[in-house]
Amino acid sequence: MHARKEASLQRTWALLLAAVICYVPANVLPVMSVTSLGRTQADTILSGVVYFVQHGDWPLAVVIFTASVFVPVLKLAILAFLAASVQR
């Protein structure tokens, strides 16, 4: 057994806050930029999901949404719940 790290709960909250702050630009900023015939189009993760749904490829849209949006939000929420329950 080893000794517990000092301020581990505070470190967890700080890292969780940093993850939430970094999550916002990760979903707002474009992840892909395509130039075709001199026209540039930038797409975010959610615009890609909307594109696939509109073109009838909803299984791929579900996979992208689940892996890129739903799972990270769920992980952040569960970590916040665990940190809050330990703090109490």
PDB file of N, CA and C in Angstrom:
ATOM      1  N   MET A   1       0.826  -1.177   0.000  1.00  0.00           N
ATOM      2  CA  MET A   1       0.000   0.000   0.000  1.00  0.00           C
ATOM      3  C   MET A   1       0.870   1.238   0.000  1.00  0.00           C
ATOM      4  N   HIS A   2       0.325   2.297  -0.533  1.00  0.00           N
ATOM      5  CA  HIS A   2       1.073   3.554  -0.566  1.00  0.00           C
ATOM      6  C   HIS A   2       0.217   4.664   0.035  1.00  0.00           C
ATOM      7  N   ALA A   3       0.887   5.709   0.418  1.00  0.00           N
ATOM      8  CA  ALA A   3       0.182   6.829   1.039  1.00  0.00           C
ATOM      9  C   ALA A   3      -0.662   7.558   0.001  1.00  0.00           C
ATOM     10  N   ARG A   4      -1.748   8.113   0.444  1.00  0.00           N
ATOM     11  CA  ARG A   4      -2.639   8.871  -0.424  1.00  0.00           C
ATOM     12  C   ARG A   4      -1.959  10.173  -0.834  1.00  0.00           C
ATOM     13  N   LYS A   5      -2.130  10.549  -2.094  1.00  0.00           N
ATOM     14  CA  LYS A   5      -1.540  11.798  -2.574  1.00  0.00           C
ATOM     15  C   LYS A   5      -2.274  12.974  -1.953  1.00  0.00           C
ATOM     16  N   GLU A   6      -1.520  13.967  -1.558  1.00  0.00           N
ATOM     17  CA  GLU A   6      -2.115  15.158  -0.963  1.00  0.00           C
ATOM     18  C   GLU A   6      -2.880  15.946  -2.018  1.00  0.00           C
ATOM     19  N   ALA A   7      -3.988  16.518  -1.612  1.00  0.00           N
ATOM     20  CA  ALA A   7      -4.833  17.374  -2.457  1.00  0.00           C
ATOM     21  C   ALA A   7      -5.309  16.666  -3.723  1.00  0.00           C
ATOM     22  N   SER A   8      -5.537  15.377  -3.641  1.00  0.00           N
ATOM     23  CA  SER A   8      -5.971  14.646  -4.829  1.00  0.00           C
ATOM     24  C   SER A   8      -7.376  15.054  -5.266  1.00  0.00           C
ATOM     25  N   LEU A   9      -8.243  15.370  -4.322  1.00  0.00           N
ATOM     26  CA  LEU A   9      -9.591  15.791  -4.685  1.00  0.00           C
ATOM     27  C   LEU A   9      -9.569  17.159  -5.372  1.00  0.00           C
ATOM     28  N   GLN A  10      -8.753  18.066  -4.870  1.00  0.00           N
ATOM     29  CA  GLN A  10      -8.628  19.376  -5.501  1.00  0.00           C
ATOM     30  C   GLN A  10      -8.029  19.234  -6.904  1.00  0.00           C
ATOM     31  N   ARG A  11      -7.069  18.342  -7.044  1.00  0.00           N
ATOM     32  CA  ARG A  11      -6.464  18.092  -8.352  1.00  0.00           C
ATOM     33  C   ARG A  11      -7.504  17.518  -9.312  1.00  0.00           C
ATOM     34  N   THR A  12      -8.361  16.633  -8.812  1.00  0.00           N
ATOM     35  CA  THR A  12      -9.421  16.058  -9.637  1.00  0.00           C
ATOM     36  C   THR A  12     -10.378  17.136 -10.118  1.00  0.00           C
ATOM     37  N   TRP A  13     -10.801  18.035  -9.218  1.00  0.00           N
ATOM     38  CA  TRP A  13     -11.699  19.121  -9.603  1.00  0.00           C
ATOM     39  C   TRP A  13     -11.033  20.044 -10.623  1.00  0.00           C
ATOM     40  N   ALA A  14      -9.757  20.335 -10.433  1.00  0.00           N
ATOM     41  CA  ALA A  14      -9.037  21.216 -11.366  1.00  0.00           C
ATOM     42  C   ALA A  14      -8.935  20.581 -12.751  1.00  0.00           C
ATOM     43  N   LEU A  15      -8.620  19.301 -12.790  1.00  0.00           N
ATOM     44  CA  LEU A  15      -8.527  18.616 -14.078  1.00  0.00           C
ATOM     45  C   LEU A  15      -9.896  18.476 -14.742  1.00  0.00           C
ATOM     46  N   LEU A  16     -10.926  18.274 -13.942  1.00  0.00           N
ATOM     47  CA  LEU A  16     -12.283  18.205 -14.485  1.00  0.00           C
ATOM     48  C   LEU A  16     -12.688  19.545 -15.091  1.00  0.00           C
ATOM     49  N   LEU A  17     -12.390  20.631 -14.398  1.00  0.00           N
ATOM     50  CA  LEU A  17     -12.683  21.964 -14.922  1.00  0.00           C
ATOM     51  C   LEU A  17     -11.905  22.219 -16.212  1.00  0.00           C
ATOM     52  N   ALA A  18     -10.649  21.819 -16.247  1.00  0.00           N
ATOM     53  CA  ALA A  18      -9.845  21.983 -17.466  1.00  0.00           C
ATOM     54  C   ALA A  18     -10.433  21.165 -18.615  1.00  0.00           C
ATOM     55  N   ALA A  19     -10.915  19.973 -18.318  1.00  0.00           N
ATOM     56  CA  ALA A  19     -11.521  19.134 -19.356  1.00  0.00           C
ATOM     57  C   ALA A  19     -12.797  19.762 -19.900  1.00  0.00           C
ATOM     58  N   VAL A  20     -13.605  20.339 -19.027  1.00  0.00           N
ATOM     59  CA  VAL A  20     -14.836  21.000 -19.476  1.00  0.00           C
ATOM     60  C   VAL A  20     -14.497  22.216 -20.329  1.00  0.00           C
ATOM     61  N   ILE A  21     -13.502  22.978 -19.920  1.00  0.00           N
ATOM     62  CA  ILE A  21     -13.088  24.155 -20.687  1.00  0.00           C
ATOM     63  C   ILE A  21     -12.560  23.741 -22.063  1.00  0.00           C
ATOM     64  N   CYS A  22     -11.792  22.674 -22.123  1.00  0.00           N
ATOM     65  CA  CYS A  22     -11.243  22.206 -23.404  1.00  0.00           C
ATOM     66  C   CYS A  22     -12.295  21.523 -24.273  1.00  0.00           C
ATOM     67  N   TYR A  23     -13.352  21.006 -23.668  1.00  0.00           N
ATOM     68  CA  TYR A  23     -14.389  20.316 -24.419  1.00  0.00           C
ATOM     69  C   TYR A  23     -15.173  21.277 -25.312  1.00  0.00           C
ATOM     70  N   VAL A  24     -15.365  22.497 -24.828  1.00  0.00           N
ATOM     71  CA  VAL A  24     -16.148  23.476 -25.591  1.00  0.00           C
ATOM     72  C   VAL A  24     -15.490  23.798 -26.934  1.00  0.00           C
ATOM     73  N   PRO A  25     -14.231  24.229 -26.983  1.00  0.00           N
ATOM     74  CA  PRO A  25     -13.650  24.515 -28.304  1.00  0.00           C
ATOM     75  C   PRO A  25     -13.475  23.261 -29.157  1.00  0.00           C
ATOM     76  N   ALA A  26     -13.347  22.111 -28.525  1.00  0.00           N
ATOM     77  CA  ALA A  26     -13.208  20.882 -29.300  1.00  0.00           C
ATOM     78  C   ALA A  26     -14.452  20.602 -30.126  1.00  0.00           C
ATOM     79  N   ASN A  27     -15.605  21.074 -29.677  1.00  0.00           N
ATOM     80  CA  ASN A  27     -16.831  20.846 -30.425  1.00  0.00           C
ATOM     81  C   ASN A  27     -17.306  22.064 -31.200  1.00  0.00           C
ATOM     82  N   VAL A  28     -16.724  23.228 -30.938  1.00  0.00           N
ATOM     83  CA  VAL A  28     -17.140  24.440 -31.636  1.00  0.00           C
ATOM     84  C   VAL A  28     -16.217  24.728 -32.822  1.00  0.00           C
ATOM     85  N   LEU A  29     -14.939  24.473 -32.661  1.00  0.00           N
ATOM     86  CA  LEU A  29     -13.989  24.739 -33.738  1.00  0.00           C
ATOM     87  C   LEU A  29     -14.082  23.658 -34.818  1.00  0.00           C
ATOM     88  N   PRO A  30     -13.821  24.020 -36.060  1.00  0.00           N
ATOM     89  CA  PRO A  30     -13.897  23.034 -37.139  1.00  0.00           C
ATOM     90  C   PRO A  30     -12.815  21.960 -37.007  1.00  0.00           C
ATOM     91  N   VAL A  31     -13.204  20.732 -37.315  1.00  0.00           N
ATOM     92  CA  VAL A  31     -12.261  19.618 -37.281  1.00  0.00           C
ATOM     93  C   VAL A  31     -11.789  19.254 -38.678  1.00  0.00           C
ATOM     94  N   MET A  32     -12.489  19.814 -39.689  1.00  0.00           N
ATOM     95  CA  MET A  32     -12.138  19.503 -41.063  1.00  0.00           C
ATOM     96  C   MET A  32     -12.416  20.724 -41.934  1.00  0.00           C
ATOM     97  N   SER A  33     -11.506  20.981 -42.834  1.00  0.00           N
ATOM     98  CA  SER A  33     -11.682  22.081 -43.776  1.00  0.00           C
ATOM     99  C   SER A  33     -11.402  21.536 -45.176  1.00  0.00           C
ATOM    100  N   VAL A  34     -12.392  21.658 -46.057  1.00  0.00           N
ATOM    101  CA  VAL A  34     -12.277  21.129 -47.410  1.00  0.00           C
ATOM    102  C   VAL A  34     -12.343  22.279 -48.398  1.00  0.00           C
ATOM    103  N   THR A  35     -11.382  22.312 -49.317  1.00  0.00           N
ATOM    104  CA  THR A  35     -11.389  23.305 -50.384  1.00  0.00           C
ATOM    105  C   THR A  35     -11.644  22.592 -51.700  1.00  0.00           C
ATOM    106  N   SER A  36     -12.710  23.019 -52.366  1.00  0.00           N
ATOM    107  CA  SER A  36     -13.076  22.423 -53.640  1.00  0.00           C
ATOM    108  C   SER A  36     -13.484  23.533 -54.594  1.00  0.00           C
ATOM    109  N   LEU A  37     -12.814  23.595 -55.731  1.00  0.00           N
ATOM    110  CA  LEU A  37     -13.077  24.612 -56.743  1.00  0.00           C
ATOM    111  C   LEU A  37     -12.977  26.027 -56.173  1.00  0.00           C
ATOM    112  N   GLY A  38     -11.999  26.234 -55.305  1.00  0.00           N
ATOM    113  CA  GLY A  38     -11.751  27.548 -54.734  1.00  0.00           C
ATOM    114  C   GLY A  38     -12.660  27.922 -53.582  1.00  0.00           C
ATOM    115  N   ARG A  39     -13.566  27.049 -53.217  1.00  0.00           N
ATOM    116  CA  ARG A  39     -14.495  27.312 -52.112  1.00  0.00           C
ATOM    117  C   ARG A  39     -14.106  26.460 -50.916  1.00  0.00           C
ATOM    118  N   THR A  40     -13.947  27.093 -49.768  1.00  0.00           N
ATOM    119  CA  THR A  40     -13.550  26.384 -48.556  1.00  0.00           C
ATOM    120  C   THR A  40     -14.751  26.228 -47.637  1.00  0.00           C
ATOM    121  N   GLN A  41     -14.903  25.016 -47.120  1.00  0.00           N
ATOM    122  CA  GLN A  41     -15.986  24.739 -46.176  1.00  0.00           C
ATOM    123  C   GLN A  41     -15.380  24.085 -44.940  1.00  0.00           C
ATOM    124  N   ALA A  42     -15.678  24.658 -43.774  1.00  0.00           N
ATOM    125  CA  ALA A  42     -15.189  24.120 -42.502  1.00  0.00           C
ATOM    126  C   ALA A  42     -16.345  23.426 -41.785  1.00  0.00           C
ATOM    127  N   ASP A  43     -16.081  22.254 -41.249  1.00  0.00           N
ATOM    128  CA  ASP A  43     -17.121  21.482 -40.568  1.00  0.00           C
ATOM    129  C   ASP A  43     -16.697  21.140 -39.149  1.00  0.00           C
ATOM    130  N   THR A  44     -17.686  21.217 -38.251  1.00  0.00           N
ATOM    131  CA  THR A  44     -17.482  20.780 -36.869  1.00  0.00           C
ATOM    132  C   THR A  44     -17.995  19.355 -36.746  1.00  0.00           C
ATOM    133  N   ILE A  45     -17.825  18.773 -35.573  1.00  0.00           N
ATOM    134  CA  ILE A  45     -18.300  17.411 -35.344  1.00  0.00           C
ATOM    135  C   ILE A  45     -19.816  17.348 -35.505  1.00  0.00           C
ATOM    136  N   LEU A  46     -20.520  18.300 -34.904  1.00  0.00           N
ATOM    137  CA  LEU A  46     -21.978  18.271 -34.978  1.00  0.00           C
ATOM    138  C   LEU A  46     -22.487  18.566 -36.388  1.00  0.00           C
ATOM    139  N   SER A  47     -21.816  19.415 -37.136  1.00  0.00           N
ATOM    140  CA  SER A  47     -22.256  19.645 -38.511  1.00  0.00           C
ATOM    141  C   SER A  47     -22.035  18.394 -39.357  1.00  0.00           C
ATOM    142  N   GLY A  48     -21.005  17.625 -39.044  1.00  0.00           N
ATOM    143  CA  GLY A  48     -20.802  16.342 -39.720  1.00  0.00           C
ATOM    144  C   GLY A  48     -21.895  15.346 -39.399  1.00  0.00           C
ATOM    145  N   VAL A  49     -22.321  15.332 -38.139  1.00  0.00           N
ATOM    146  CA  VAL A  49     -23.417  14.452 -37.737  1.00  0.00           C
ATOM    147  C   VAL A  49     -24.691  14.844 -38.468  1.00  0.00           C
ATOM    148  N   VAL A  50     -24.977  16.138 -38.530  1.00  0.00           N
ATOM    149  CA  VAL A  50     -26.171  16.624 -39.227  1.00  0.00           C
ATOM    150  C   VAL A  50     -26.097  16.266 -40.717  1.00  0.00           C
ATOM    151  N   TYR A  51     -24.926  16.405 -41.307  1.00  0.00           N
ATOM    152  CA  TYR A  51     -24.738  16.056 -42.716  1.00  0.00           C
ATOM    153  C   TYR A  51     -25.082  14.592 -42.965  1.00  0.00           C
ATOM    154  N   PHE A  52     -24.565  13.698 -42.135  1.00  0.00           N
ATOM    155  CA  PHE A  52     -24.825  12.277 -42.331  1.00  0.00           C
ATOM    156  C   PHE A  52     -26.297  11.929 -42.123  1.00  0.00           C
ATOM    157  N   VAL A  53     -26.942  12.578 -41.168  1.00  0.00           N
ATOM    158  CA  VAL A  53     -28.371  12.331 -40.945  1.00  0.00           C
ATOM    159  C   VAL A  53     -29.173  12.805 -42.149  1.00  0.00           C
ATOM    160  N   GLN A  54     -28.857  13.986 -42.673  1.00  0.00           N
ATOM    161  CA  GLN A  54     -29.589  14.523 -43.827  1.00  0.00           C
ATOM    162  C   GLN A  54     -29.420  13.680 -45.079  1.00  0.00           C
ATOM    163  N   HIS A  55     -28.282  13.012 -45.191  1.00  0.00           N
ATOM    164  CA  HIS A  55     -28.028  12.193 -46.376  1.00  0.00           C
ATOM    165  C   HIS A  55     -28.361  10.711 -46.156  1.00  0.00           C
ATOM    166  N   GLY A  56     -29.082  10.432 -45.078  1.00  0.00           N
ATOM    167  CA  GLY A  56     -29.589   9.086 -44.857  1.00  0.00           C
ATOM    168  C   GLY A  56     -28.618   8.095 -44.254  1.00  0.00           C
ATOM    169  N   ASP A  57     -27.450   8.539 -43.861  1.00  0.00           N
ATOM    170  CA  ASP A  57     -26.473   7.627 -43.260  1.00  0.00           C
ATOM    171  C   ASP A  57     -26.509   7.785 -41.745  1.00  0.00           C
ATOM    172  N   TRP A  58     -27.691   7.558 -41.173  1.00  0.00           N
ATOM    173  CA  TRP A  58     -27.878   7.784 -39.736  1.00  0.00           C
ATOM    174  C   TRP A  58     -27.098   6.817 -38.858  1.00  0.00           C
ATOM    175  N   PRO A  59     -26.805   5.555 -39.263  1.00  0.00           N
ATOM    176  CA  PRO A  59     -25.985   4.710 -38.373  1.00  0.00           C
ATOM    177  C   PRO A  59     -24.600   5.305 -38.120  1.00  0.00           C
ATOM    178  N   LEU A  60     -23.997   5.860 -39.182  1.00  0.00           N
ATOM    179  CA  LEU A  60     -22.686   6.487 -39.012  1.00  0.00           C
ATOM    180  C   LEU A  60     -22.808   7.751 -38.160  1.00  0.00           C
ATOM    181  N   ALA A  61     -23.889   8.499 -38.335  1.00  0.00           N
ATOM    182  CA  ALA A  61     -24.121   9.701 -37.522  1.00  0.00           C
ATOM    183  C   ALA A  61     -24.259   9.343 -36.051  1.00  0.00           C
ATOM    184  N   VAL A  62     -24.939   8.245 -35.758  1.00  0.00           N
ATOM    185  CA  VAL A  62     -25.096   7.803 -34.365  1.00  0.00           C
ATOM    186  C   VAL A  62     -23.752   7.419 -33.768  1.00  0.00           C
ATOM    187  N   VAL A  63     -22.931   6.720 -34.536  1.00  0.00           N
ATOM    188  CA  VAL A  63     -21.601   6.319 -34.046  1.00  0.00           C
ATOM    189  C   VAL A  63     -20.745   7.547 -33.765  1.00  0.00           C
ATOM    190  N   ILE A  64     -20.736   8.501 -34.700  1.00  0.00           N
ATOM    191  CA  ILE A  64     -19.922   9.707 -34.514  1.00  0.00           C
ATOM    192  C   ILE A  64     -20.422  10.513 -33.329  1.00  0.00           C
ATOM    193  N   PHE A  65     -21.744  10.685 -33.224  1.00  0.00           N
ATOM    194  CA  PHE A  65     -22.308  11.444 -32.105  1.00  0.00           C
ATOM    195  C   PHE A  65     -22.005  10.759 -30.779  1.00  0.00           C
ATOM    196  N   THR A  66     -22.174   9.456 -30.731  1.00  0.00           N
ATOM    197  CA  THR A  66     -21.929   8.724 -29.487  1.00  0.00           C
ATOM    198  C   THR A  66     -20.469   8.819 -29.061  1.00  0.00           C
ATOM    199  N   ALA A  67     -19.562   8.597 -30.003  1.00  0.00           N
ATOM    200  CA  ALA A  67     -18.135   8.587 -29.662  1.00  0.00           C
ATOM    201  C   ALA A  67     -17.576   9.980 -29.400  1.00  0.00           C
ATOM    202  N   SER A  68     -18.102  10.995 -30.072  1.00  0.00           N
ATOM    203  CA  SER A  68     -17.502  12.324 -29.981  1.00  0.00           C
ATOM    204  C   SER A  68     -18.222  13.286 -29.050  1.00  0.00           C
ATOM    205  N   VAL A  69     -19.497  13.046 -28.778  1.00  0.00           N
ATOM    206  CA  VAL A  69     -20.257  13.977 -27.956  1.00  0.00           C
ATOM    207  C   VAL A  69     -20.801  13.292 -26.705  1.00  0.00           C
ATOM    208  N   PHE A  70     -21.547  12.229 -26.886  1.00  0.00           N
ATOM    209  CA  PHE A  70     -22.253  11.615 -25.765  1.00  0.00           C
ATOM    210  C   PHE A  70     -21.304  10.994 -24.726  1.00  0.00           C
ATOM    211  N   VAL A  71     -20.356  10.192 -25.165  1.00  0.00           N
ATOM    212  CA  VAL A  71     -19.449   9.517 -24.225  1.00  0.00           C
ATOM    213  C   VAL A  71     -18.592  10.521 -23.445  1.00  0.00           C
ATOM    214  N   PRO A  72     -17.982  11.528 -24.084  1.00  0.00           N
ATOM    215  CA  PRO A  72     -17.210  12.491 -23.287  1.00  0.00           C
ATOM    216  C   PRO A  72     -18.054  13.253 -22.269  1.00  0.00           C
ATOM    217  N   VAL A  73     -19.274  13.674 -22.656  1.00  0.00           N
ATOM    218  CA  VAL A  73     -20.136  14.380 -21.707  1.00  0.00           C
ATOM    219  C   VAL A  73     -20.516  13.460 -20.558  1.00  0.00           C
ATOM    220  N   LEU A  74     -20.823  12.207 -20.879  1.00  0.00           N
ATOM    221  CA  LEU A  74     -21.167  11.235 -19.839  1.00  0.00           C
ATOM    222  C   LEU A  74     -19.991  11.008 -18.886  1.00  0.00           C
ATOM    223  N   LYS A  75     -18.787  10.909 -19.427  1.00  0.00           N
ATOM    224  CA  LYS A  75     -17.603  10.717 -18.588  1.00  0.00           C
ATOM    225  C   LYS A  75     -17.371  11.907 -17.667  1.00  0.00           C
ATOM    226  N   LEU A  76     -17.538  13.119 -18.190  1.00  0.00           N
ATOM    227  CA  LEU A  76     -17.364  14.310 -17.357  1.00  0.00           C
ATOM    228  C   LEU A  76     -18.429  14.373 -16.268  1.00  0.00           C
ATOM    229  N   ALA A  77     -19.653  14.029 -16.607  1.00  0.00           N
ATOM    230  CA  ALA A  77     -20.736  14.052 -15.619  1.00  0.00           C
ATOM    231  C   ALA A  77     -20.518  13.008 -14.534  1.00  0.00           C
ATOM    232  N   ILE A  78     -20.097  11.822 -14.914  1.00  0.00           N
ATOM    233  CA  ILE A  78     -19.848  10.768 -13.922  1.00  0.00           C
ATOM    234  C   ILE A  78     -18.678  11.143 -13.027  1.00  0.00           C
ATOM    235  N   LEU A  79     -17.615  11.699 -13.606  1.00  0.00           N
ATOM    236  CA  LEU A  79     -16.475  12.119 -12.789  1.00  0.00           C
ATOM    237  C   LEU A  79     -16.870  13.223 -11.820  1.00  0.00           C
ATOM    238  N   ALA A  80     -17.702  14.168 -12.265  1.00  0.00           N
ATOM    239  CA  ALA A  80     -18.171  15.229 -11.366  1.00  0.00           C
ATOM    240  C   ALA A  80     -19.022  14.643 -10.244  1.00  0.00           C
ATOM    241  N   PHE A  81     -19.881  13.687 -10.579  1.00  0.00           N
ATOM    242  CA  PHE A  81     -20.700  13.038  -9.549  1.00  0.00           C
ATOM    243  C   PHE A  81     -19.827  12.297  -8.542  1.00  0.00           C
ATOM    244  N   LEU A  82     -18.832  11.564  -9.014  1.00  0.00           N
ATOM    245  CA  LEU A  82     -17.947  10.821  -8.109  1.00  0.00           C
ATOM    246  C   LEU A  82     -17.146  11.769  -7.222  1.00  0.00           C
ATOM    247  N   ALA A  83     -16.630  12.839  -7.792  1.00  0.00           N
ATOM    248  CA  ALA A  83     -15.854  13.804  -7.007  1.00  0.00           C
ATOM    249  C   ALA A  83     -16.735  14.478  -5.966  1.00  0.00           C
ATOM    250  N   ALA A  84     -17.979  14.810  -6.343  1.00  0.00           N
ATOM    251  CA  ALA A  84     -18.890  15.436  -5.384  1.00  0.00           C
ATOM    252  C   ALA A  84     -19.271  14.467  -4.277  1.00  0.00           C
ATOM    253  N   SER A  85     -19.474  13.196  -4.608  1.00  0.00           N
ATOM    254  CA  SER A  85     -19.841  12.227  -3.579  1.00  0.00           C
ATOM    255  C   SER A  85     -18.688  11.944  -2.632  1.00  0.00           C
ATOM    256  N   VAL A  86     -17.461  11.972  -3.134  1.00  0.00           N
ATOM    257  CA  VAL A  86     -16.302  11.780  -2.246  1.00  0.00           C
ATOM    258  C   VAL A  86     -16.105  13.001  -1.356  1.00  0.00           C
ATOM    259  N   GLN A  87     -16.374  14.169  -1.900  1.00  0.00           N
ATOM    260  CA  GLN A  87     -16.184  15.399  -1.130  1.00  0.00           C
ATOM    261  C   GLN A  87     -17.159  15.475   0.038  1.00  0.00           C
ATOM    262  N   ARG A  88     -18.343  14.950  -0.136  1.00  0.00           N
ATOM    263  CA  ARG A  88     -19.327  14.975   0.940  1.00  0.00           C
ATOM    264  C   ARG A  88     -18.990  13.905   1.920  1.00  0.00           C
TER     265      ARG A  88
END
